[in-house]
C-alpha atoms as a PDB file:
ATOM      1  CA  MET A   1       0.017   0.020   0.005  1.00  0.00           C
ATOM      2  CA  THR A   2       1.443   3.460  -0.972  1.00  0.00           C
ATOM      3  CA  PRO A   3       1.247   5.914   1.962  1.00  0.00           C
ATOM      4  CA  HIS A   4      -0.893   8.920   1.422  1.00  0.00           C
ATOM      5  CA  PRO A   5       0.951  12.266   1.695  1.00  0.00           C
ATOM      6  CA  GLU A   6       0.083  14.219   4.803  1.00  0.00           C
ATOM      7  CA  LYS A   7      -1.185  17.816   4.633  1.00  0.00           C
ATOM      8  CA  ALA A   8      -1.232  20.687   7.004  1.00  0.00           C
ATOM      9  CA  PRO A   9      -4.541  20.690   8.890  1.00  0.00           C
ATOM     10  CA  MET A  10      -7.330  22.789   7.434  1.00  0.00           C
ATOM     11  CA  LEU A  11     -10.243  24.344   9.456  1.00  0.00           C
ATOM     12  CA  LEU A  12     -13.854  23.254   9.347  1.00  0.00           C
ATOM     13  CA  VAL A  13     -15.650  25.906  11.389  1.00  0.00           C
ATOM     14  CA  PRO A  14     -19.047  25.330  12.943  1.00  0.00           C
ATOM     15  CA  LEU A  15     -19.790  28.854  13.989  1.00  0.00           C
ATOM     16  CA  TYR A  16     -23.297  28.637  15.625  1.00  0.00           C
ATOM     17  CA  GLU A  17     -23.788  32.342  16.175  1.00  0.00           C
ATOM     18  CA  HIS A  18     -26.105  34.883  14.418  1.00  0.00           C
ATOM     19  CA  PRO A  19     -24.113  37.376  12.248  1.00  0.00           C
ATOM     20  CA  ALA A  20     -26.012  40.185  13.922  1.00  0.00           C
ATOM     21  CA  ASP A  21     -24.742  39.169  17.315  1.00  0.00           C
ATOM     22  CA  ARG A  22     -21.172  38.383  16.223  1.00  0.00           C
ATOM     23  CA  PRO A  23     -20.347  40.268  13.167  1.00  0.00           C
ATOM     24  CA  GLU A  24     -16.781  40.433  13.989  1.00  0.00           C
ATOM     25  CA  ALA A  25     -16.456  36.626  14.101  1.00  0.00           C
ATOM     26  CA  TRP A  26     -18.082  36.272  10.735  1.00  0.00           C
ATOM     27  CA  GLU A  27     -15.741  38.982   9.334  1.00  0.00           C
ATOM     28  CA  ARG A  28     -12.817  37.169  10.651  1.00  0.00           C
ATOM     29  CA  LEU A  29     -13.956  33.996   8.970  1.00  0.00           C
ATOM     30  CA  ILE A  30     -14.259  35.643   5.666  1.00  0.00           C
ATOM     31  CA  ALA A  31     -10.893  37.369   6.048  1.00  0.00           C
ATOM     32  CA  CYS A  32      -9.302  34.026   6.773  1.00  0.00           C
ATOM     33  CA  ALA A  33     -10.959  32.205   3.852  1.00  0.00           C
ATOM     34  CA  GLY A  34      -7.520  30.702   2.681  1.00  0.00           C
ATOM     35  CA  ARG A  35      -7.311  28.772   5.896  1.00  0.00           C
ATOM     36  CA  LEU A  36     -10.748  27.227   5.740  1.00  0.00           C
ATOM     37  CA  HIS A  37     -11.787  23.869   4.543  1.00  0.00           C
ATOM     38  CA  SER A  38     -15.458  24.822   5.000  1.00  0.00           C
ATOM     39  CA  VAL A  39     -17.935  26.652   7.354  1.00  0.00           C
ATOM     40  CA  VAL A  40     -21.118  25.164   8.792  1.00  0.00           C
ATOM     41  CA  LEU A  41     -24.185  27.381   8.474  1.00  0.00           C
ATOM     42  CA  ASN A  42     -26.673  26.706  11.249  1.00  0.00           C
ATOM     43  CA  PRO A  43     -29.348  29.397  11.547  1.00  0.00           C
ATOM     44  CA  ALA A  44     -31.699  27.499  13.807  1.00  0.00           C
ATOM     45  CA  SER A  45     -30.513  23.942  14.455  1.00  0.00           C
ATOM     46  CA  GLY A  46     -30.883  23.690  10.782  1.00  0.00           C
ATOM     47  CA  PRO A  47     -32.163  26.185   8.142  1.00  0.00           C
ATOM     48  CA  GLY A  48     -35.139  27.351  10.269  1.00  0.00           C
ATOM     49  CA  THR A  49     -38.701  27.924   9.080  1.00  0.00           C
ATOM     50  CA  ALA A  50     -38.057  31.046   7.113  1.00  0.00           C
ATOM     51  CA  PRO A  51     -34.982  32.590   5.267  1.00  0.00           C
ATOM     52  CA  ASP A  52     -32.703  34.798   7.306  1.00  0.00           C
ATOM     53  CA  GLU A  53     -31.128  37.523   5.238  1.00  0.00           C
ATOM     54  CA  ARG A  54     -28.081  37.967   7.529  1.00  0.00           C
ATOM     55  CA  PHE A  55     -27.063  34.292   7.219  1.00  0.00           C
ATOM     56  CA  ALA A  56     -27.818  34.476   3.439  1.00  0.00           C
ATOM     57  CA  ALA A  57     -25.385  37.535   3.153  1.00  0.00           C
ATOM     58  CA  VAL A  58     -22.559  35.874   4.974  1.00  0.00           C
ATOM     59  CA  ALA A  59     -23.018  32.577   3.112  1.00  0.00           C
ATOM     60  CA  ALA A  60     -22.648  34.466  -0.145  1.00  0.00           C
ATOM     61  CA  ARG A  61     -19.531  36.305   1.007  1.00  0.00           C
ATOM     62  CA  LEU A  62     -17.991  33.015   2.018  1.00  0.00           C
ATOM     63  CA  ARG A  63     -18.801  31.390  -1.335  1.00  0.00           C
ATOM     64  CA  GLU A  64     -17.342  34.363  -3.192  1.00  0.00           C
ATOM     65  CA  ALA A  65     -14.102  33.865  -1.091  1.00  0.00           C
ATOM     66  CA  GLY A  66     -14.001  30.356  -2.151  1.00  0.00           C
ATOM     67  CA  VAL A  67     -15.126  28.602   1.043  1.00  0.00           C
ATOM     68  CA  ALA A  68     -17.572  25.718   0.997  1.00  0.00           C
ATOM     69  CA  VAL A  69     -20.765  26.488   2.955  1.00  0.00           C
ATOM     70  CA  LEU A  70     -22.150  23.398   4.581  1.00  0.00           C
ATOM     71  CA  GLY A  71     -25.886  23.492   5.626  1.00  0.00           C
ATOM     72  CA  TYR A  72     -26.291  22.039   9.048  1.00  0.00           C
ATOM     73  CA  THR A  73     -28.868  19.137   9.113  1.00  0.00           C
ATOM     74  CA  ASP A  74     -29.627  16.963  12.040  1.00  0.00           C
ATOM     75  CA  THR A  75     -30.149  13.256  11.294  1.00  0.00           C
ATOM     76  CA  ASP A  76     -30.734  12.097  14.896  1.00  0.00           C
ATOM     77  CA  TYR A  77     -28.680   8.922  14.478  1.00  0.00           C
ATOM     78  CA  GLY A  78     -30.967   7.701  11.742  1.00  0.00           C
ATOM     79  CA  ARG A  79     -34.185   8.318  13.592  1.00  0.00           C
ATOM     80  CA  ARG A  80     -35.100  11.547  11.751  1.00  0.00           C
ATOM     81  CA  PRO A  81     -37.500  10.805   8.771  1.00  0.00           C
ATOM     82  CA  HIS A  82     -35.773  11.002   5.395  1.00  0.00           C
ATOM     83  CA  ALA A  83     -38.254  13.552   4.139  1.00  0.00           C
ATOM     84  CA  GLU A  84     -37.493  15.982   6.931  1.00  0.00           C
ATOM     85  CA  VAL A  85     -33.758  15.757   6.344  1.00  0.00           C
ATOM     86  CA  VAL A  86     -34.196  16.412   2.694  1.00  0.00           C
ATOM     87  CA  GLN A  87     -36.431  19.353   3.288  1.00  0.00           C
ATOM     88  CA  ASP A  88     -33.658  20.911   5.362  1.00  0.00           C
ATOM     89  CA  LEU A  89     -31.165  20.226   2.645  1.00  0.00           C
ATOM     90  CA  LEU A  90     -33.308  21.931   0.058  1.00  0.00           C
ATOM     91  CA  ARG A  91     -33.992  24.905   2.296  1.00  0.00           C
ATOM     92  CA  HIS A  92     -30.293  25.415   2.863  1.00  0.00           C
ATOM     93  CA  ARG A  93     -29.762  25.372  -0.905  1.00  0.00           C
ATOM     94  CA  ASP A  94     -32.630  27.746  -1.803  1.00  0.00           C
ATOM     95  CA  TRP A  95     -32.357  30.166   1.042  1.00  0.00           C
ATOM     96  CA  TYR A  96     -28.698  30.332   1.625  1.00  0.00           C
ATOM     97  CA  GLY A  97     -27.088  28.954  -1.442  1.00  0.00           C
ATOM     98  CA  ALA A  98     -25.325  26.219   0.535  1.00  0.00           C
ATOM     99  CA  ASP A  99     -23.034  24.234  -1.784  1.00  0.00           C
ATOM    100  CA  GLY A 100     -22.472  21.546   0.923  1.00  0.00           C
ATOM    101  CA  ALA A 101     -24.146  19.604   3.648  1.00  0.00           C
ATOM    102  CA  PHE A 102     -23.162  18.807   7.282  1.00  0.00           C
ATOM    103  CA  LEU A 103     -25.089  15.867   8.419  1.00  0.00           C
ATOM    104  CA  ASP A 104     -24.970  15.906  12.145  1.00  0.00           C
ATOM    105  CA  GLN A 105     -25.462  13.089  14.685  1.00  0.00           C
ATOM    106  CA  ALA A 106     -24.806  10.501  12.034  1.00  0.00           C
ATOM    107  CA  ALA A 107     -25.093   6.944  12.989  1.00  0.00           C
ATOM    108  CA  SER A 108     -21.912   4.844  13.029  1.00  0.00           C
ATOM    109  CA  GLY A 109     -23.207   1.283  12.788  1.00  0.00           C
ATOM    110  CA  SER A 110     -23.300  -0.864   9.563  1.00  0.00           C
ATOM    111  CA  GLU A 111     -27.096  -1.414   9.984  1.00  0.00           C
ATOM    112  CA  LEU A 112     -27.880   2.240   8.983  1.00  0.00           C
ATOM    113  CA  LEU A 113     -25.604   2.330   5.978  1.00  0.00           C
ATOM    114  CA  PRO A 114     -28.443   1.946   3.551  1.00  0.00           C
ATOM    115  CA  HIS A 115     -30.313   4.812   5.209  1.00  0.00           C
ATOM    116  CA  TYR A 116     -27.346   7.173   5.106  1.00  0.00           C
ATOM    117  CA  GLY A 117     -26.778   5.956   1.518  1.00  0.00           C
ATOM    118  CA  ARG A 118     -30.156   7.293   0.571  1.00  0.00           C
ATOM    119  CA  LEU A 119     -29.543  10.559   2.445  1.00  0.00           C
ATOM    120  CA  THR A 120     -26.278  11.243   0.649  1.00  0.00           C
ATOM    121  CA  VAL A 121     -27.831  10.499  -2.691  1.00  0.00           C
ATOM    122  CA  ALA A 122     -30.422  13.181  -1.791  1.00  0.00           C
ATOM    123  CA  ALA A 123     -27.790  15.649  -0.635  1.00  0.00           C
ATOM    124  CA  ARG A 124     -25.935  15.395  -3.812  1.00  0.00           C
ATOM    125  CA  ALA A 125     -29.137  15.873  -5.809  1.00  0.00           C
ATOM    126  CA  ALA A 126     -29.723  18.984  -3.683  1.00  0.00           C
ATOM    127  CA  GLY A 127     -26.433  20.412  -4.840  1.00  0.00           C
ATOM    128  CA  ALA A 128     -24.032  19.330  -2.072  1.00  0.00           C
ATOM    129  CA  ARG A 129     -20.568  19.358  -3.586  1.00  0.00           C
ATOM    130  CA  THR A 130     -19.054  18.849  -0.176  1.00  0.00           C
ATOM    131  CA  LEU A 131     -20.696  16.314   2.047  1.00  0.00           C
ATOM    132  CA  VAL A 132     -19.619  15.787   5.686  1.00  0.00           C
ATOM    133  CA  LEU A 133     -21.010  13.073   8.051  1.00  0.00           C
ATOM    134  CA  ASN A 134     -20.437  13.964  11.766  1.00  0.00           C
ATOM    135  CA  HIS A 135     -20.370  10.599  13.585  1.00  0.00           C
ATOM    136  CA  GLY A 136     -18.191  12.014  16.362  1.00  0.00           C
ATOM    137  CA  VAL A 137     -16.494   8.567  16.508  1.00  0.00           C
ATOM    138  CA  HIS A 138     -14.909   6.265  14.015  1.00  0.00           C
ATOM    139  CA  PRO A 139     -17.778   4.582  12.133  1.00  0.00           C
ATOM    140  CA  HIS A 140     -18.068   1.518  10.095  1.00  0.00           C
ATOM    141  CA  PRO A 141     -15.691   1.776   7.203  1.00  0.00           C
ATOM    142  CA  GLY A 142     -18.560   1.695   4.699  1.00  0.00           C
ATOM    143  CA  TYR A 143     -19.374   5.281   5.522  1.00  0.00           C
ATOM    144  CA  ALA A 144     -16.133   6.415   3.839  1.00  0.00           C
ATOM    145  CA  ALA A 145     -17.784   5.545   0.420  1.00  0.00           C
ATOM    146  CA  LEU A 146     -20.655   7.908   1.143  1.00  0.00           C
ATOM    147  CA  ALA A 147     -19.088  11.266   2.138  1.00  0.00           C
ATOM    148  CA  ASP A 148     -16.276  13.438   1.328  1.00  0.00           C
ATOM    149  CA  LEU A 149     -15.243  13.928   5.002  1.00  0.00           C
ATOM    150  CA  LEU A 150     -16.015  12.017   8.113  1.00  0.00           C
ATOM    151  CA  VAL A 151     -15.948  13.618  11.576  1.00  0.00           C
ATOM    152  CA  THR A 152     -14.463  10.953  13.666  1.00  0.00           C
ATOM    153  CA  PHE A 153     -14.089  12.830  16.880  1.00  0.00           C
ATOM    154  CA  GLU A 154     -16.177  15.461  18.508  1.00  0.00           C
ATOM    155  CA  GLY A 155     -15.844  16.156  22.162  1.00  0.00           C
ATOM    156  CA  PRO A 156     -13.882  18.070  24.938  1.00  0.00           C
ATOM    157  CA  TRP A 157     -10.099  18.550  25.035  1.00  0.00           C
ATOM    158  CA  ASP A 158      -9.573  16.301  28.036  1.00  0.00           C
ATOM    159  CA  ALA A 159     -11.136  13.356  26.095  1.00  0.00           C
ATOM    160  CA  TYR A 160      -9.194  14.151  22.973  1.00  0.00           C
ATOM    161  CA  ARG A 161      -5.921  14.537  24.843  1.00  0.00           C
ATOM    162  CA  ASP A 162      -6.313  11.228  26.648  1.00  0.00           C
ATOM    163  CA  GLY A 163      -7.907   9.322  23.643  1.00  0.00           C
ATOM    164  CA  SER A 164      -6.390   6.722  21.458  1.00  0.00           C
ATOM    165  CA  ALA A 165      -3.588   8.105  19.366  1.00  0.00           C
ATOM    166  CA  THR A 166      -3.925   5.241  16.882  1.00  0.00           C
ATOM    167  CA  PRO A 167      -6.997   5.398  14.473  1.00  0.00           C
ATOM    168  CA  PRO A 168      -8.519   2.094  13.274  1.00  0.00           C
ATOM    169  CA  PRO A 169      -6.552   0.310  10.538  1.00  0.00           C
ATOM    170  CA  TRP A 170      -9.112   0.866   7.880  1.00  0.00           C
ATOM    171  CA  THR A 171      -8.433   4.551   7.967  1.00  0.00           C
ATOM    172  CA  ALA A 172      -5.083   4.051   6.363  1.00  0.00           C
ATOM    173  CA  ASP A 173      -6.836   3.184   3.111  1.00  0.00           C
ATOM    174  CA  HIS A 174      -7.863   6.839   2.808  1.00  0.00           C
ATOM    175  CA  PRO A 175      -5.955  10.100   2.747  1.00  0.00           C
ATOM    176  CA  ALA A 176      -5.924  12.219   5.999  1.00  0.00           C
ATOM    177  CA  ASP A 177      -8.044  14.928   4.332  1.00  0.00           C
ATOM    178  CA  ARG A 178     -10.986  12.505   4.464  1.00  0.00           C
ATOM    179  CA  PHE A 179     -11.098  12.893   8.310  1.00  0.00           C
ATOM    180  CA  CYS A 180     -11.955  15.692  10.734  1.00  0.00           C
ATOM    181  CA  HIS A 181     -11.750  16.200  14.513  1.00  0.00           C
ATOM    182  CA  LEU A 182     -13.841  18.747  16.298  1.00  0.00           C
ATOM    183  CA  VAL A 183     -12.548  19.623  19.766  1.00  0.00           C
ATOM    184  CA  TYR A 184     -13.953  22.124  22.295  1.00  0.00           C
ATOM    185  CA  ALA A 185     -12.993  23.271  25.841  1.00  0.00           C
ATOM    186  CA  VAL A 186      -9.440  23.576  24.509  1.00  0.00           C
ATOM    187  CA  PRO A 187      -7.028  25.593  26.700  1.00  0.00           C
ATOM    188  CA  PRO A 188      -4.816  28.183  25.191  1.00  0.00           C
ATOM    189  CA  ASP A 189      -1.616  26.680  23.675  1.00  0.00           C
ATOM    190  CA  ALA A 190      -2.904  23.101  23.857  1.00  0.00           C
ATOM    191  CA  PRO A 191      -1.446  21.128  20.876  1.00  0.00           C
ATOM    192  CA  ALA A 192      -4.783  20.336  19.208  1.00  0.00           C
ATOM    193  CA  ALA A 193      -3.739  20.849  15.641  1.00  0.00           C
ATOM    194  CA  GLU A 194      -0.545  18.738  16.275  1.00  0.00           C
ATOM    195  CA  LEU A 195      -2.645  15.892  17.725  1.00  0.00           C
ATOM    196  CA  ALA A 196      -5.058  16.070  14.799  1.00  0.00           C
ATOM    197  CA  ALA A 197      -2.167  15.760  12.386  1.00  0.00           C
ATOM    198  CA  GLN A 198      -0.574  12.850  14.281  1.00  0.00           C
ATOM    199  CA  ARG A 199      -3.932  11.046  14.254  1.00  0.00           C
ATOM    200  CA  ARG A 200      -4.239  11.576  10.437  1.00  0.00           C
ATOM    201  CA  ALA A 201      -7.011  14.094  10.596  1.00  0.00           C
ATOM    202  CA  ALA A 202      -6.141  16.843   8.137  1.00  0.00           C
ATOM    203  CA  VAL A 203      -9.235  18.829   8.910  1.00  0.00           C
ATOM    204  CA  HIS A 204     -10.040  20.025  12.435  1.00  0.00           C
ATOM    205  CA  CYS A 205     -11.372  22.676  14.649  1.00  0.00           C
ATOM    206  CA  ALA A 206     -10.244  23.501  18.219  1.00  0.00           C
ATOM    207  CA  VAL A 207     -12.228  26.125  20.174  1.00  0.00           C
ATOM    208  CA  PRO A 208     -12.208  27.370  23.680  1.00  0.00           C
ATOM    209  CA  GLY A 209     -16.080  27.259  24.068  1.00  0.00           C
ATOM    210  CA  THR A 210     -17.541  24.966  26.765  1.00  0.00           C
ATOM    211  CA  GLY A 211     -20.890  23.847  28.131  1.00  0.00           C
ATOM    212  CA  ALA A 212     -24.066  23.242  26.059  1.00  0.00           C
ATOM    213  CA  HIS A 213     -23.038  25.730  23.327  1.00  0.00           C
ATOM    214  CA  PRO A 214     -19.297  25.292  22.613  1.00  0.00           C
ATOM    215  CA  TRP A 215     -19.534  26.171  18.971  1.00  0.00           C
ATOM    216  CA  GLY A 216     -20.117  29.880  19.495  1.00  0.00           C
ATOM    217  CA  THR A 217     -16.456  30.641  19.525  1.00  0.00           C
ATOM    218  CA  LEU A 218     -13.813  30.865  16.766  1.00  0.00           C
ATOM    219  CA  PRO A 219     -10.996  28.395  16.738  1.00  0.00           C
ATOM    220  CA  TYR A 220      -7.778  29.637  18.320  1.00  0.00           C
ATOM    221  CA  ALA A 221      -6.050  29.537  14.930  1.00  0.00           C
ATOM    222  CA  LEU A 222      -8.314  32.248  13.719  1.00  0.00           C
ATOM    223  CA  GLU A 223      -8.574  34.276  16.975  1.00  0.00           C
ATOM    224  CA  THR A 224      -4.851  34.872  16.746  1.00  0.00           C
ATOM    225  CA  ALA A 225      -4.589  35.289  12.957  1.00  0.00           C
ATOM    226  CA  GLY A 226      -3.302  38.708  11.765  1.00  0.00           C
END
């Protein structure tokens, strides 16, 4: 097997704050477009029930800057009906011009591979050029055939720091830019990016946020960017 070349970690940023409340954070995101893999757009735990012009405006600016905009869609570990998920995908496309999808709370077991296969077909049909499945753990290897990027860790820094440094063997069959780690409650100067690279996740996000809403803060890498 030929080793896949490693790349410097890129940032996938889930900024779950309204542009009217945190305009400076959204401006920083746009200014740092060259460091971004993608940004997750999440107006209301999904697209909401009506378009929000502020989110539409920042989404357009991110796309103009060359950043993939991922519409946040909860799948509830396979329990949410297919039609509801598809409705969210279409609203993200029609209201915000999302050119990608972030399917959250994705199941990890093999028994739901057919369900997620149908969802990913629907997401592609809805215009998702970049498709992310957020399992939060390493899933069955069959999921790698469905998405462009798998989130194989989401959790606090303590769990990340103390977790296994060796990913499952099947991950070696894929380049590191197919995997993402999302880490919150990260202290200043913690080596989160270095650990992500060591664990073959070329996409990551490490934020200081804690509690029930950790994704309201920018990653350290952007807070300190010039």
